[in-house]
Amino acid sequence: MAYVKTAWQDRVVQFPNRYDKSGETSGQVTLVPNTGTVTQAGTPLNAGNMAKIENALGDLLGVDNTSVRKQGSVSLDTDTRTVVITRNALYKVSLIEEKNGSTVIKSTTINYTNGIISSVVEVAGGTTVTTTLNRTNGKITSVTKTVV
């Protein structure tokens, strides 16, 4: 379902910081808002409006391991990270690092067996994702993924 943006409005009152004091004792006092005239009701902060936000976040981020996020717009990465590519002795790409200055933000290691890609290990944000290509007689028979 498409997200419909809410035009949020502040509640506007005549006296936003005015309170009536009552029931004062040595340890406590009761303050009751005395805001005067409400000139703008404002958007209610209620379960329906909060659920709308929660649902939109769920649609955007996914809610479980089976979620599929469909992108209906163009994504333009505007970060200023650099990409450093390392090649092995056979001149095949073996490591890709995305860096912010000297800090590695994400690393992708490509492992080879007999000159053929056998696995890809991605590390970012403290999470490691290993994708292994399982082969029989040189042909990929399955792909497994582990997340740590």
C-alpha atoms as a PDB file:
ATOM      1  CA  MET A   1       0.000   0.000   0.000  1.00  0.00           C
ATOM      2  CA  ALA A   2       1.347   3.420  -0.915  1.00  0.00           C
ATOM      3  CA  TYR A   3       2.314   5.710   1.916  1.00  0.00           C
ATOM      4  CA  VAL A   4       0.112   8.774   2.317  1.00  0.00           C
ATOM      5  CA  LYS A   5       1.994  11.565   4.051  1.00  0.00           C
ATOM      6  CA  THR A   6       0.363  13.196   7.074  1.00  0.00           C
ATOM      7  CA  ALA A   7       0.473  16.992   7.202  1.00  0.00           C
ATOM      8  CA  TRP A   8       1.477  17.215  10.863  1.00  0.00           C
ATOM      9  CA  GLN A   9       0.474  20.390  12.685  1.00  0.00           C
ATOM     10  CA  ASP A  10       1.526  21.670  16.084  1.00  0.00           C
ATOM     11  CA  ARG A  11      -1.087  22.335  18.724  1.00  0.00           C
ATOM     12  CA  VAL A  12      -1.231  26.116  19.211  1.00  0.00           C
ATOM     13  CA  VAL A  13      -2.674  27.624  22.380  1.00  0.00           C
ATOM     14  CA  GLN A  14      -2.994  31.080  23.881  1.00  0.00           C
ATOM     15  CA  PHE A  15      -0.736  30.360  26.894  1.00  0.00           C
ATOM     16  CA  PRO A  16       1.517  27.360  26.168  1.00  0.00           C
ATOM     17  CA  ASN A  17       3.424  27.504  29.470  1.00  0.00           C
ATOM     18  CA  ARG A  18       0.704  28.476  31.958  1.00  0.00           C
ATOM     19  CA  TYR A  19      -0.328  26.109  34.761  1.00  0.00           C
ATOM     20  CA  ASP A  20      -2.596  26.247  37.798  1.00  0.00           C
ATOM     21  CA  LYS A  21      -1.025  25.057  41.029  1.00  0.00           C
ATOM     22  CA  SER A  22      -3.030  23.180  43.664  1.00  0.00           C
ATOM     23  CA  GLY A  23      -2.698  20.627  46.421  1.00  0.00           C
ATOM     24  CA  GLU A  24       0.685  21.906  47.540  1.00  0.00           C
ATOM     25  CA  THR A  25       2.301  20.026  50.419  1.00  0.00           C
ATOM     26  CA  SER A  26       5.867  19.919  51.658  1.00  0.00           C
ATOM     27  CA  GLY A  27       6.707  17.132  49.202  1.00  0.00           C
ATOM     28  CA  GLN A  28       4.566  17.714  46.143  1.00  0.00           C
ATOM     29  CA  VAL A  29       2.397  20.024  44.121  1.00  0.00           C
ATOM     30  CA  THR A  30      -0.214  19.423  41.417  1.00  0.00           C
ATOM     31  CA  LEU A  31       0.153  21.419  38.208  1.00  0.00           C
ATOM     32  CA  VAL A  32      -2.756  21.524  35.760  1.00  0.00           C
ATOM     33  CA  PRO A  33      -2.297  23.073  32.302  1.00  0.00           C
ATOM     34  CA  ASN A  34      -4.274  26.296  31.859  1.00  0.00           C
ATOM     35  CA  THR A  35      -3.498  27.016  28.234  1.00  0.00           C
ATOM     36  CA  GLY A  36      -6.376  29.312  27.415  1.00  0.00           C
ATOM     37  CA  THR A  37      -7.851  29.304  23.935  1.00  0.00           C
ATOM     38  CA  VAL A  38      -6.783  26.580  21.496  1.00  0.00           C
ATOM     39  CA  THR A  39      -6.170  28.329  18.171  1.00  0.00           C
ATOM     40  CA  GLN A  40      -5.027  25.194  16.318  1.00  0.00           C
ATOM     41  CA  ALA A  41      -5.904  21.691  17.493  1.00  0.00           C
ATOM     42  CA  GLY A  42      -2.823  20.060  16.021  1.00  0.00           C
ATOM     43  CA  THR A  43      -2.451  16.555  14.643  1.00  0.00           C
ATOM     44  CA  PRO A  44      -3.388  13.947  17.244  1.00  0.00           C
ATOM     45  CA  LEU A  45      -0.542  11.800  18.513  1.00  0.00           C
ATOM     46  CA  ASN A  46      -2.615   8.638  18.716  1.00  0.00           C
ATOM     47  CA  ALA A  47      -2.326   4.925  17.998  1.00  0.00           C
ATOM     48  CA  GLY A  48      -3.615   5.313  14.438  1.00  0.00           C
ATOM     49  CA  ASN A  49      -1.033   7.920  13.450  1.00  0.00           C
ATOM     50  CA  MET A  50       1.773   6.065  15.217  1.00  0.00           C
ATOM     51  CA  ALA A  51       0.755   2.783  13.522  1.00  0.00           C
ATOM     52  CA  LYS A  52       0.932   4.559  10.173  1.00  0.00           C
ATOM     53  CA  ILE A  53       4.555   5.501  10.902  1.00  0.00           C
ATOM     54  CA  GLU A  54       5.370   1.973  12.117  1.00  0.00           C
ATOM     55  CA  ASN A  55       3.821   0.410   9.015  1.00  0.00           C
ATOM     56  CA  ALA A  56       5.742   2.753   6.705  1.00  0.00           C
ATOM     57  CA  LEU A  57       9.001   1.852   8.471  1.00  0.00           C
ATOM     58  CA  GLY A  58       8.146  -1.833   8.168  1.00  0.00           C
ATOM     59  CA  ASP A  59       7.529  -1.408   4.445  1.00  0.00           C
ATOM     60  CA  LEU A  60      10.808   0.456   4.060  1.00  0.00           C
ATOM     61  CA  LEU A  61      13.050  -1.717   6.220  1.00  0.00           C
ATOM     62  CA  GLY A  62      11.284  -5.070   6.133  1.00  0.00           C
ATOM     63  CA  VAL A  63       9.729  -6.807   9.090  1.00  0.00           C
ATOM     64  CA  ASP A  64      11.353 -10.242   8.944  1.00  0.00           C
ATOM     65  CA  ASN A  65      13.680 -12.456   6.933  1.00  0.00           C
ATOM     66  CA  THR A  66      11.051 -12.989   4.225  1.00  0.00           C
ATOM     67  CA  SER A  67      10.470  -9.297   3.467  1.00  0.00           C
ATOM     68  CA  VAL A  68      11.129  -8.108  -0.066  1.00  0.00           C
ATOM     69  CA  ARG A  69      11.702  -4.392  -0.471  1.00  0.00           C
ATOM     70  CA  LYS A  70      10.646  -3.092  -3.843  1.00  0.00           C
ATOM     71  CA  GLN A  71      12.313   0.095  -4.969  1.00  0.00           C
ATOM     72  CA  GLY A  72      10.201   2.281  -7.199  1.00  0.00           C
ATOM     73  CA  SER A  73      12.676   5.104  -7.457  1.00  0.00           C
ATOM     74  CA  VAL A  74      16.273   5.614  -8.459  1.00  0.00           C
ATOM     75  CA  SER A  75      18.862   5.349  -5.708  1.00  0.00           C
ATOM     76  CA  LEU A  76      21.770   7.772  -5.861  1.00  0.00           C
ATOM     77  CA  ASP A  77      24.600   7.125  -3.432  1.00  0.00           C
ATOM     78  CA  THR A  78      25.967  10.490  -2.347  1.00  0.00           C
ATOM     79  CA  ASP A  79      28.536   9.294   0.160  1.00  0.00           C
ATOM     80  CA  THR A  80      32.123  10.371  -0.338  1.00  0.00           C
ATOM     81  CA  ARG A  81      33.713   7.042   0.540  1.00  0.00           C
ATOM     82  CA  THR A  82      36.540   5.717  -1.559  1.00  0.00           C
ATOM     83  CA  VAL A  83      36.688   2.208  -2.986  1.00  0.00           C
ATOM     84  CA  VAL A  84      39.995   0.348  -2.838  1.00  0.00           C
ATOM     85  CA  ILE A  85      40.358  -2.787  -4.969  1.00  0.00           C
ATOM     86  CA  THR A  86      43.053  -5.379  -4.281  1.00  0.00           C
ATOM     87  CA  ARG A  87      43.974  -8.083  -6.790  1.00  0.00           C
ATOM     88  CA  ASN A  88      45.629 -11.425  -6.127  1.00  0.00           C
ATOM     89  CA  ALA A  89      48.719 -12.847  -7.871  1.00  0.00           C
ATOM     90  CA  LEU A  90      46.548 -13.952 -10.815  1.00  0.00           C
ATOM     91  CA  TYR A  91      45.246 -10.359 -11.117  1.00  0.00           C
ATOM     92  CA  LYS A  92      41.760 -11.382 -10.001  1.00  0.00           C
ATOM     93  CA  VAL A  93      39.873  -9.078  -7.628  1.00  0.00           C
ATOM     94  CA  SER A  94      40.293 -10.499  -4.125  1.00  0.00           C
ATOM     95  CA  LEU A  95      39.307  -7.615  -1.843  1.00  0.00           C
ATOM     96  CA  ILE A  96      37.077  -4.568  -2.188  1.00  0.00           C
ATOM     97  CA  GLU A  97      37.119  -2.034   0.643  1.00  0.00           C
ATOM     98  CA  GLU A  98      34.802   0.942   1.009  1.00  0.00           C
ATOM     99  CA  LYS A  99      36.611   3.490   3.150  1.00  0.00           C
ATOM    100  CA  ASN A 100      35.842   6.763   4.854  1.00  0.00           C
ATOM    101  CA  GLY A 101      39.331   8.185   5.050  1.00  0.00           C
ATOM    102  CA  SER A 102      41.423   5.350   6.462  1.00  0.00           C
ATOM    103  CA  THR A 103      38.450   3.668   8.178  1.00  0.00           C
ATOM    104  CA  VAL A 104      37.064   0.599   6.409  1.00  0.00           C
ATOM    105  CA  ILE A 105      33.248   0.810   6.354  1.00  0.00           C
ATOM    106  CA  LYS A 106      32.635  -2.364   4.346  1.00  0.00           C
ATOM    107  CA  SER A 107      34.949  -5.057   3.055  1.00  0.00           C
ATOM    108  CA  THR A 108      34.177  -7.703   0.474  1.00  0.00           C
ATOM    109  CA  THR A 109      36.604 -10.622   0.183  1.00  0.00           C
ATOM    110  CA  ILE A 110      36.357 -12.851  -2.877  1.00  0.00           C
ATOM    111  CA  ASN A 111      37.793 -16.320  -2.347  1.00  0.00           C
ATOM    112  CA  TYR A 112      38.869 -18.590  -5.188  1.00  0.00           C
ATOM    113  CA  THR A 113      39.386 -22.337  -5.475  1.00  0.00           C
ATOM    114  CA  ASN A 114      41.372 -23.433  -8.528  1.00  0.00           C
ATOM    115  CA  GLY A 115      40.886 -19.963 -10.030  1.00  0.00           C
ATOM    116  CA  ILE A 116      37.076 -20.032  -9.698  1.00  0.00           C
ATOM    117  CA  ILE A 117      35.080 -17.976  -7.177  1.00  0.00           C
ATOM    118  CA  SER A 118      34.153 -20.213  -4.248  1.00  0.00           C
ATOM    119  CA  SER A 119      32.822 -17.691  -1.734  1.00  0.00           C
ATOM    120  CA  VAL A 120      32.248 -14.018  -1.049  1.00  0.00           C
ATOM    121  CA  VAL A 121      32.599 -12.636   2.478  1.00  0.00           C
ATOM    122  CA  GLU A 122      31.091  -9.213   3.219  1.00  0.00           C
ATOM    123  CA  VAL A 123      31.753  -7.448   6.518  1.00  0.00           C
ATOM    124  CA  ALA A 124      29.989  -4.223   7.518  1.00  0.00           C
ATOM    125  CA  GLY A 125      28.626  -2.783  10.742  1.00  0.00           C
ATOM    126  CA  GLY A 126      29.821  -5.740  12.809  1.00  0.00           C
ATOM    127  CA  THR A 127      27.968  -8.276  10.638  1.00  0.00           C
ATOM    128  CA  THR A 128      29.648 -10.864   8.420  1.00  0.00           C
ATOM    129  CA  VAL A 129      27.732 -12.384   5.509  1.00  0.00           C
ATOM    130  CA  THR A 130      29.379 -15.334   3.761  1.00  0.00           C
ATOM    131  CA  THR A 131      27.950 -16.531   0.461  1.00  0.00           C
ATOM    132  CA  THR A 132      29.349 -19.879  -0.667  1.00  0.00           C
ATOM    133  CA  LEU A 133      28.999 -21.244  -4.192  1.00  0.00           C
ATOM    134  CA  ASN A 134      28.736 -25.020  -3.996  1.00  0.00           C
ATOM    135  CA  ARG A 135      29.894 -26.813  -7.138  1.00  0.00           C
ATOM    136  CA  THR A 136      29.785 -30.301  -8.579  1.00  0.00           C
ATOM    137  CA  ASN A 137      31.973 -31.015 -11.606  1.00  0.00           C
ATOM    138  CA  GLY A 138      32.604 -27.271 -11.957  1.00  0.00           C
ATOM    139  CA  LYS A 139      28.917 -26.326 -12.076  1.00  0.00           C
ATOM    140  CA  ILE A 140      27.140 -24.385  -9.342  1.00  0.00           C
ATOM    141  CA  THR A 141      24.672 -26.719  -7.637  1.00  0.00           C
ATOM    142  CA  SER A 142      23.608 -24.486  -4.764  1.00  0.00           C
ATOM    143  CA  VAL A 143      24.377 -21.277  -2.955  1.00  0.00           C
ATOM    144  CA  THR A 144      24.484 -21.066   0.831  1.00  0.00           C
ATOM    145  CA  LYS A 145      24.576 -17.976   2.977  1.00  0.00           C
ATOM    146  CA  THR A 146      25.562 -17.540   6.608  1.00  0.00           C
ATOM    147  CA  VAL A 147      25.154 -14.393   8.669  1.00  0.00           C
ATOM    148  CA  VAL A 148      27.173 -13.843  11.822  1.00  0.00           C
END
